N, C-alpha and C. Protein backbone atom coordinates (compact mmCIF):
# COMPACT_ATOMS: atom_id res chain seq x y z
N MET A 1 8.62 -3.00 12.48
CA MET A 1 7.48 -3.09 11.58
C MET A 1 6.43 -2.09 12.06
N ARG A 2 5.96 -1.29 11.12
CA ARG A 2 4.95 -0.28 11.46
C ARG A 2 3.85 -0.33 10.41
N ILE A 3 2.62 -0.54 10.87
CA ILE A 3 1.46 -0.63 9.99
C ILE A 3 0.46 0.43 10.44
N LEU A 4 0.11 1.32 9.52
CA LEU A 4 -0.85 2.38 9.83
C LEU A 4 -2.01 2.33 8.85
N VAL A 5 -3.21 2.30 9.38
CA VAL A 5 -4.43 2.41 8.58
C VAL A 5 -5.09 3.69 9.08
N GLN A 6 -5.14 4.70 8.20
CA GLN A 6 -5.53 6.02 8.67
C GLN A 6 -6.33 6.77 7.61
N GLU A 7 -7.10 7.73 8.08
CA GLU A 7 -7.87 8.59 7.16
C GLU A 7 -7.07 9.80 6.68
N PRO A 8 -6.31 10.46 7.55
CA PRO A 8 -5.64 11.68 7.08
C PRO A 8 -4.49 11.39 6.11
N PRO A 9 -4.16 12.39 5.28
CA PRO A 9 -3.02 12.25 4.38
C PRO A 9 -1.72 12.03 5.16
N PHE A 10 -0.73 11.46 4.49
CA PHE A 10 0.58 11.30 5.09
C PHE A 10 1.60 12.05 4.25
N ASP A 11 2.70 12.40 4.87
CA ASP A 11 3.79 13.11 4.19
C ASP A 11 4.81 12.06 3.75
N PHE A 12 4.82 11.74 2.46
CA PHE A 12 5.70 10.70 1.95
C PHE A 12 7.16 10.99 2.28
N GLY A 13 7.60 12.21 2.04
CA GLY A 13 8.99 12.56 2.29
C GLY A 13 9.38 12.36 3.75
N ALA A 14 8.54 12.82 4.65
CA ALA A 14 8.82 12.68 6.08
C ALA A 14 8.81 11.21 6.49
N GLU A 15 7.84 10.45 5.97
CA GLU A 15 7.78 9.03 6.32
C GLU A 15 9.00 8.28 5.78
N ALA A 16 9.40 8.57 4.54
CA ALA A 16 10.57 7.91 3.95
C ALA A 16 11.84 8.28 4.72
N GLU A 17 11.97 9.54 5.09
CA GLU A 17 13.16 9.98 5.84
C GLU A 17 13.21 9.31 7.22
N THR A 18 12.09 9.27 7.91
CA THR A 18 12.05 8.62 9.22
C THR A 18 12.38 7.13 9.09
N PHE A 19 11.83 6.49 8.07
CA PHE A 19 12.08 5.06 7.86
C PHE A 19 13.55 4.79 7.58
N ALA A 20 14.19 5.65 6.80
CA ALA A 20 15.58 5.44 6.39
C ALA A 20 16.59 5.89 7.44
N SER A 21 16.18 6.75 8.33
CA SER A 21 17.09 7.34 9.29
C SER A 21 17.78 6.30 10.17
N GLY A 22 19.10 6.39 10.23
CA GLY A 22 19.88 5.53 11.12
C GLY A 22 20.02 4.09 10.66
N ARG A 23 19.75 3.79 9.43
CA ARG A 23 19.83 2.41 8.92
C ARG A 23 21.25 2.08 8.44
N HIS A 24 22.19 2.03 9.34
CA HIS A 24 23.57 1.75 8.98
C HIS A 24 23.81 0.28 8.63
N ASP A 25 22.91 -0.58 9.04
CA ASP A 25 23.07 -2.02 8.77
C ASP A 25 22.27 -2.47 7.54
N MET A 26 21.56 -1.56 6.91
CA MET A 26 20.76 -1.88 5.74
C MET A 26 21.41 -1.28 4.50
N GLY A 27 21.50 -2.07 3.43
CA GLY A 27 22.09 -1.58 2.19
C GLY A 27 21.06 -1.11 1.18
N ALA A 28 19.78 -1.36 1.45
CA ALA A 28 18.74 -1.00 0.48
C ALA A 28 17.46 -0.61 1.20
N ILE A 29 16.86 0.45 0.71
CA ILE A 29 15.52 0.84 1.14
C ILE A 29 14.71 1.08 -0.12
N VAL A 30 13.57 0.41 -0.20
CA VAL A 30 12.67 0.55 -1.34
C VAL A 30 11.38 1.18 -0.84
N THR A 31 10.89 2.17 -1.57
CA THR A 31 9.61 2.79 -1.23
C THR A 31 8.71 2.82 -2.45
N PHE A 32 7.43 2.76 -2.18
CA PHE A 32 6.41 2.86 -3.23
C PHE A 32 5.24 3.62 -2.65
N THR A 33 4.65 4.47 -3.48
CA THR A 33 3.45 5.19 -3.07
C THR A 33 2.38 5.02 -4.14
N GLY A 34 1.19 4.59 -3.72
CA GLY A 34 0.05 4.48 -4.62
C GLY A 34 -0.74 5.78 -4.58
N ILE A 35 -1.20 6.20 -5.75
CA ILE A 35 -1.89 7.49 -5.89
C ILE A 35 -3.25 7.27 -6.56
N VAL A 36 -4.25 8.04 -6.16
CA VAL A 36 -5.56 7.97 -6.81
C VAL A 36 -5.38 8.42 -8.25
N ARG A 37 -5.73 7.52 -9.17
CA ARG A 37 -5.61 7.79 -10.60
C ARG A 37 -6.98 8.16 -11.15
N ASP A 38 -7.01 9.17 -11.98
CA ASP A 38 -8.25 9.58 -12.62
C ASP A 38 -8.70 8.48 -13.59
N LEU A 39 -9.96 8.47 -13.91
CA LEU A 39 -10.49 7.54 -14.90
C LEU A 39 -9.99 7.92 -16.28
N ALA A 40 -10.02 6.97 -17.21
CA ALA A 40 -9.59 7.24 -18.59
C ALA A 40 -10.41 8.39 -19.18
N SER A 41 -11.66 8.50 -18.76
CA SER A 41 -12.53 9.56 -19.25
C SER A 41 -12.21 10.92 -18.62
N GLY A 42 -11.41 10.89 -17.54
CA GLY A 42 -11.01 12.14 -16.89
C GLY A 42 -12.07 12.75 -15.99
N ASP A 43 -13.07 11.97 -15.59
CA ASP A 43 -14.15 12.56 -14.80
C ASP A 43 -14.33 11.94 -13.41
N LEU A 44 -13.25 11.43 -12.83
CA LEU A 44 -13.35 10.91 -11.46
C LEU A 44 -13.39 12.09 -10.49
N ASP A 45 -14.46 12.16 -9.73
CA ASP A 45 -14.57 13.21 -8.71
C ASP A 45 -13.84 12.80 -7.44
N ALA A 46 -14.03 11.53 -7.06
CA ALA A 46 -13.41 11.05 -5.82
C ALA A 46 -13.42 9.53 -5.80
N MET A 47 -12.54 8.99 -4.96
CA MET A 47 -12.55 7.57 -4.65
C MET A 47 -12.78 7.46 -3.15
N GLU A 48 -13.67 6.58 -2.78
CA GLU A 48 -13.98 6.36 -1.37
C GLU A 48 -13.52 4.96 -1.01
N ILE A 49 -12.72 4.85 0.04
CA ILE A 49 -12.20 3.55 0.48
C ILE A 49 -12.78 3.23 1.85
N GLU A 50 -13.36 2.05 1.96
CA GLU A 50 -13.94 1.59 3.22
C GLU A 50 -13.17 0.37 3.72
N HIS A 51 -13.27 0.11 5.03
CA HIS A 51 -12.62 -1.07 5.61
C HIS A 51 -13.24 -1.36 6.98
N TYR A 52 -12.91 -2.54 7.51
CA TYR A 52 -13.28 -2.90 8.88
C TYR A 52 -12.02 -2.74 9.71
N PRO A 53 -11.97 -1.75 10.60
CA PRO A 53 -10.73 -1.39 11.28
C PRO A 53 -9.94 -2.54 11.92
N GLY A 54 -10.54 -3.31 12.78
CA GLY A 54 -9.79 -4.38 13.44
C GLY A 54 -9.31 -5.43 12.47
N MET A 55 -10.17 -5.82 11.56
CA MET A 55 -9.84 -6.85 10.57
C MET A 55 -8.73 -6.36 9.65
N THR A 56 -8.81 -5.15 9.18
CA THR A 56 -7.82 -4.62 8.25
C THR A 56 -6.45 -4.53 8.90
N GLN A 57 -6.38 -3.98 10.07
CA GLN A 57 -5.10 -3.85 10.78
C GLN A 57 -4.44 -5.21 10.96
N LYS A 58 -5.21 -6.19 11.42
CA LYS A 58 -4.65 -7.54 11.63
C LYS A 58 -4.19 -8.17 10.33
N ALA A 59 -4.95 -7.99 9.26
CA ALA A 59 -4.58 -8.57 7.97
C ALA A 59 -3.27 -7.96 7.45
N LEU A 60 -3.11 -6.65 7.59
CA LEU A 60 -1.88 -5.99 7.14
C LEU A 60 -0.69 -6.38 8.01
N GLU A 61 -0.91 -6.50 9.31
CA GLU A 61 0.17 -6.95 10.20
C GLU A 61 0.61 -8.37 9.84
N LYS A 62 -0.34 -9.22 9.53
CA LYS A 62 -0.01 -10.61 9.18
C LYS A 62 0.82 -10.68 7.90
N ILE A 63 0.44 -9.95 6.87
CA ILE A 63 1.17 -10.02 5.61
C ILE A 63 2.54 -9.36 5.74
N ALA A 64 2.65 -8.31 6.54
CA ALA A 64 3.96 -7.68 6.77
C ALA A 64 4.88 -8.64 7.54
N ALA A 65 4.32 -9.35 8.51
CA ALA A 65 5.12 -10.34 9.25
C ALA A 65 5.57 -11.46 8.32
N GLU A 66 4.71 -11.87 7.40
CA GLU A 66 5.09 -12.89 6.43
C GLU A 66 6.24 -12.40 5.56
N ALA A 67 6.19 -11.15 5.12
CA ALA A 67 7.29 -10.59 4.33
C ALA A 67 8.59 -10.58 5.12
N MET A 68 8.50 -10.24 6.40
CA MET A 68 9.69 -10.23 7.25
C MET A 68 10.30 -11.63 7.36
N GLN A 69 9.46 -12.66 7.37
CA GLN A 69 9.95 -14.03 7.46
C GLN A 69 10.51 -14.55 6.14
N ARG A 70 9.88 -14.17 5.03
CA ARG A 70 10.27 -14.70 3.72
C ARG A 70 11.54 -14.07 3.17
N TRP A 71 11.77 -12.80 3.50
CA TRP A 71 12.95 -12.10 3.00
C TRP A 71 13.77 -11.61 4.17
N SER A 72 15.04 -11.34 3.91
CA SER A 72 15.93 -10.83 4.95
C SER A 72 15.71 -9.32 5.07
N LEU A 73 14.75 -8.95 5.88
CA LEU A 73 14.38 -7.55 6.04
C LEU A 73 14.75 -7.04 7.42
N GLY A 74 15.12 -5.78 7.46
CA GLY A 74 15.36 -5.13 8.74
C GLY A 74 14.11 -4.43 9.25
N ASP A 75 13.23 -4.04 8.31
CA ASP A 75 12.02 -3.33 8.73
C ASP A 75 11.03 -3.23 7.57
N VAL A 76 9.77 -2.98 7.92
CA VAL A 76 8.68 -2.79 6.96
C VAL A 76 7.80 -1.66 7.46
N LEU A 77 7.36 -0.84 6.52
CA LEU A 77 6.37 0.19 6.80
C LEU A 77 5.24 0.06 5.79
N VAL A 78 4.01 0.02 6.27
CA VAL A 78 2.84 0.06 5.39
C VAL A 78 1.89 1.12 5.94
N ILE A 79 1.54 2.06 5.08
CA ILE A 79 0.52 3.06 5.41
C ILE A 79 -0.57 2.92 4.35
N HIS A 80 -1.80 2.78 4.80
CA HIS A 80 -2.93 2.72 3.85
C HIS A 80 -4.04 3.61 4.37
N ARG A 81 -4.52 4.48 3.50
CA ARG A 81 -5.58 5.40 3.88
C ARG A 81 -6.95 4.83 3.56
N TYR A 82 -7.95 5.39 4.22
CA TYR A 82 -9.35 5.12 3.91
C TYR A 82 -10.07 6.47 3.92
N GLY A 83 -11.31 6.44 3.46
CA GLY A 83 -12.08 7.68 3.39
C GLY A 83 -12.16 8.18 1.95
N ARG A 84 -12.51 9.43 1.81
CA ARG A 84 -12.72 10.03 0.49
C ARG A 84 -11.44 10.74 0.03
N MET A 85 -11.00 10.41 -1.19
CA MET A 85 -9.80 11.00 -1.78
C MET A 85 -10.08 11.41 -3.22
N THR A 86 -9.31 12.36 -3.70
CA THR A 86 -9.48 12.84 -5.07
C THR A 86 -8.24 12.49 -5.90
N PRO A 87 -8.36 12.56 -7.23
CA PRO A 87 -7.21 12.22 -8.08
C PRO A 87 -5.95 12.99 -7.66
N GLY A 88 -4.86 12.26 -7.58
CA GLY A 88 -3.58 12.83 -7.16
C GLY A 88 -3.27 12.62 -5.69
N ASP A 89 -4.28 12.28 -4.88
CA ASP A 89 -4.03 12.02 -3.46
C ASP A 89 -3.27 10.70 -3.29
N LYS A 90 -2.43 10.65 -2.27
CA LYS A 90 -1.71 9.43 -1.94
C LYS A 90 -2.65 8.49 -1.18
N ILE A 91 -2.73 7.23 -1.66
CA ILE A 91 -3.57 6.22 -1.00
C ILE A 91 -2.75 5.41 -0.01
N MET A 92 -1.57 4.98 -0.44
CA MET A 92 -0.79 4.07 0.40
C MET A 92 0.69 4.23 0.16
N MET A 93 1.46 3.67 1.09
CA MET A 93 2.92 3.67 1.00
C MET A 93 3.42 2.36 1.55
N VAL A 94 4.40 1.80 0.87
CA VAL A 94 5.12 0.62 1.34
C VAL A 94 6.59 0.97 1.36
N ALA A 95 7.28 0.61 2.43
CA ALA A 95 8.73 0.77 2.49
C ALA A 95 9.32 -0.50 3.09
N THR A 96 10.42 -0.95 2.50
CA THR A 96 11.14 -2.12 3.02
C THR A 96 12.61 -1.76 3.15
N ALA A 97 13.25 -2.29 4.18
CA ALA A 97 14.68 -2.10 4.40
C ALA A 97 15.31 -3.48 4.50
N ALA A 98 16.41 -3.67 3.78
CA ALA A 98 17.09 -4.96 3.77
C ALA A 98 18.58 -4.75 3.58
N PRO A 99 19.39 -5.73 3.99
CA PRO A 99 20.82 -5.62 3.74
C PRO A 99 21.16 -5.55 2.25
N HIS A 100 20.34 -6.20 1.41
CA HIS A 100 20.59 -6.26 -0.03
C HIS A 100 19.34 -5.87 -0.80
N ARG A 101 19.52 -5.26 -1.97
CA ARG A 101 18.41 -4.70 -2.74
C ARG A 101 17.40 -5.74 -3.21
N LYS A 102 17.85 -6.95 -3.55
CA LYS A 102 16.92 -7.96 -4.07
C LYS A 102 15.81 -8.24 -3.06
N ASP A 103 16.19 -8.45 -1.80
CA ASP A 103 15.18 -8.71 -0.77
C ASP A 103 14.26 -7.52 -0.58
N ALA A 104 14.81 -6.30 -0.59
CA ALA A 104 13.99 -5.10 -0.40
C ALA A 104 12.97 -4.94 -1.53
N PHE A 105 13.44 -5.14 -2.79
CA PHE A 105 12.53 -5.00 -3.93
C PHE A 105 11.47 -6.10 -3.94
N GLU A 106 11.88 -7.35 -3.76
CA GLU A 106 10.92 -8.45 -3.82
C GLU A 106 9.88 -8.34 -2.71
N ALA A 107 10.31 -8.03 -1.51
CA ALA A 107 9.36 -7.89 -0.40
C ALA A 107 8.39 -6.74 -0.64
N ALA A 108 8.88 -5.64 -1.18
CA ALA A 108 8.00 -4.50 -1.47
C ALA A 108 6.98 -4.89 -2.53
N GLU A 109 7.41 -5.59 -3.58
CA GLU A 109 6.46 -6.02 -4.61
C GLU A 109 5.43 -6.99 -4.05
N PHE A 110 5.86 -7.91 -3.21
CA PHE A 110 4.95 -8.85 -2.56
C PHE A 110 3.89 -8.10 -1.77
N LEU A 111 4.32 -7.12 -0.98
CA LEU A 111 3.37 -6.34 -0.17
C LEU A 111 2.42 -5.54 -1.06
N MET A 112 2.94 -4.94 -2.11
CA MET A 112 2.08 -4.15 -3.01
C MET A 112 1.06 -5.04 -3.71
N ASP A 113 1.49 -6.23 -4.17
CA ASP A 113 0.55 -7.15 -4.82
C ASP A 113 -0.55 -7.57 -3.85
N TYR A 114 -0.18 -7.85 -2.61
CA TYR A 114 -1.17 -8.22 -1.60
C TYR A 114 -2.14 -7.06 -1.35
N LEU A 115 -1.61 -5.86 -1.16
CA LEU A 115 -2.47 -4.71 -0.88
C LEU A 115 -3.45 -4.45 -2.01
N LYS A 116 -3.01 -4.65 -3.24
CA LYS A 116 -3.85 -4.38 -4.39
C LYS A 116 -4.97 -5.41 -4.55
N SER A 117 -4.70 -6.65 -4.18
CA SER A 117 -5.67 -7.71 -4.50
C SER A 117 -6.37 -8.33 -3.30
N ARG A 118 -5.73 -8.39 -2.15
CA ARG A 118 -6.31 -9.15 -1.05
C ARG A 118 -6.56 -8.38 0.23
N ALA A 119 -5.96 -7.23 0.38
CA ALA A 119 -6.18 -6.47 1.62
C ALA A 119 -7.67 -6.10 1.71
N PRO A 120 -8.23 -6.17 2.91
CA PRO A 120 -9.67 -5.93 3.06
C PRO A 120 -10.05 -4.45 3.02
N PHE A 121 -9.95 -3.89 1.80
CA PHE A 121 -10.41 -2.54 1.51
C PHE A 121 -11.41 -2.63 0.38
N TRP A 122 -12.40 -1.76 0.39
CA TRP A 122 -13.39 -1.71 -0.68
C TRP A 122 -13.40 -0.29 -1.24
N LYS A 123 -13.29 -0.21 -2.57
CA LYS A 123 -13.17 1.10 -3.23
C LYS A 123 -14.41 1.40 -4.07
N LYS A 124 -14.85 2.63 -3.95
CA LYS A 124 -15.99 3.10 -4.75
C LYS A 124 -15.55 4.37 -5.47
N GLU A 125 -15.78 4.39 -6.79
CA GLU A 125 -15.45 5.56 -7.60
C GLU A 125 -16.69 6.42 -7.77
N HIS A 126 -16.53 7.72 -7.52
CA HIS A 126 -17.60 8.69 -7.69
C HIS A 126 -17.30 9.55 -8.91
N SER A 127 -18.24 9.55 -9.84
CA SER A 127 -18.07 10.31 -11.08
C SER A 127 -19.42 10.90 -11.46
N GLY A 128 -19.51 12.21 -11.41
CA GLY A 128 -20.80 12.85 -11.69
C GLY A 128 -21.85 12.38 -10.70
N GLN A 129 -22.96 11.86 -11.22
CA GLN A 129 -24.03 11.36 -10.36
C GLN A 129 -23.87 9.86 -10.07
N ASN A 130 -22.84 9.23 -10.61
CA ASN A 130 -22.64 7.78 -10.45
C ASN A 130 -21.64 7.48 -9.35
N ALA A 131 -21.86 6.35 -8.69
CA ALA A 131 -20.93 5.81 -7.71
C ALA A 131 -20.88 4.30 -7.93
N ASP A 132 -19.72 3.80 -8.32
CA ASP A 132 -19.57 2.39 -8.64
C ASP A 132 -18.45 1.76 -7.83
N TRP A 133 -18.73 0.56 -7.29
CA TRP A 133 -17.69 -0.21 -6.59
C TRP A 133 -16.67 -0.68 -7.61
N VAL A 134 -15.41 -0.66 -7.22
CA VAL A 134 -14.33 -1.12 -8.10
C VAL A 134 -14.23 -2.63 -7.98
N ALA A 135 -14.35 -3.32 -9.11
CA ALA A 135 -14.27 -4.79 -9.13
C ALA A 135 -12.81 -5.23 -9.12
N ALA A 136 -12.59 -6.43 -8.58
CA ALA A 136 -11.25 -7.03 -8.61
C ALA A 136 -10.84 -7.24 -10.06
N ARG A 137 -9.56 -7.05 -10.33
CA ARG A 137 -9.05 -7.22 -11.69
C ARG A 137 -8.26 -8.52 -11.78
N ASP A 138 -8.44 -9.23 -12.88
CA ASP A 138 -7.77 -10.51 -13.08
C ASP A 138 -6.25 -10.37 -12.99
N GLU A 139 -5.70 -9.30 -13.56
CA GLU A 139 -4.24 -9.14 -13.55
C GLU A 139 -3.69 -8.91 -12.14
N ASP A 140 -4.49 -8.31 -11.26
CA ASP A 140 -4.05 -8.14 -9.88
C ASP A 140 -4.01 -9.48 -9.16
N GLU A 141 -5.01 -10.30 -9.39
CA GLU A 141 -5.02 -11.64 -8.80
C GLU A 141 -3.89 -12.49 -9.37
N ALA A 142 -3.65 -12.38 -10.68
CA ALA A 142 -2.58 -13.16 -11.32
C ALA A 142 -1.22 -12.78 -10.76
N ALA A 143 -1.04 -11.53 -10.38
CA ALA A 143 0.26 -11.09 -9.83
C ALA A 143 0.61 -11.85 -8.57
N LEU A 144 -0.37 -12.31 -7.82
CA LEU A 144 -0.10 -13.05 -6.59
C LEU A 144 0.48 -14.43 -6.84
N THR A 145 0.26 -14.98 -8.03
CA THR A 145 0.72 -16.35 -8.29
C THR A 145 2.23 -16.48 -8.26
N ARG A 146 2.95 -15.40 -8.46
CA ARG A 146 4.42 -15.50 -8.42
C ARG A 146 4.96 -15.60 -7.00
N TRP A 147 4.12 -15.35 -6.02
CA TRP A 147 4.58 -15.45 -4.63
C TRP A 147 4.11 -16.74 -4.01
């Protein structure tokens, strides 16, 4: 299990290759990458993500450990960035390895739903002269009910 909370960009291809390398006992690897999406109006200058370092790391480690217990997983990788990012930048990555695809997919979805709704990150969108905190969305909270 590897959990990284970092400011610099990550190389998705290199991370996925490293995660998958030598997995002869795993039949499935699922990866997901979240990307900064522009606003519907097309005028997002940047997204700024803040967090409390010790608290965030522990929270992500706890949820990854829960995924390892709930599903038959061989490994988990979570990378989540903080700081200022622009549209198209990678925000986060989740990877799960399991003997069978169902466990890999379900665990990855569980982790993504948690990261979207409960992980202790705060997002602010910068557009022109405005900067607005991103509010929690009902559909993100509702996604957690299936777990």
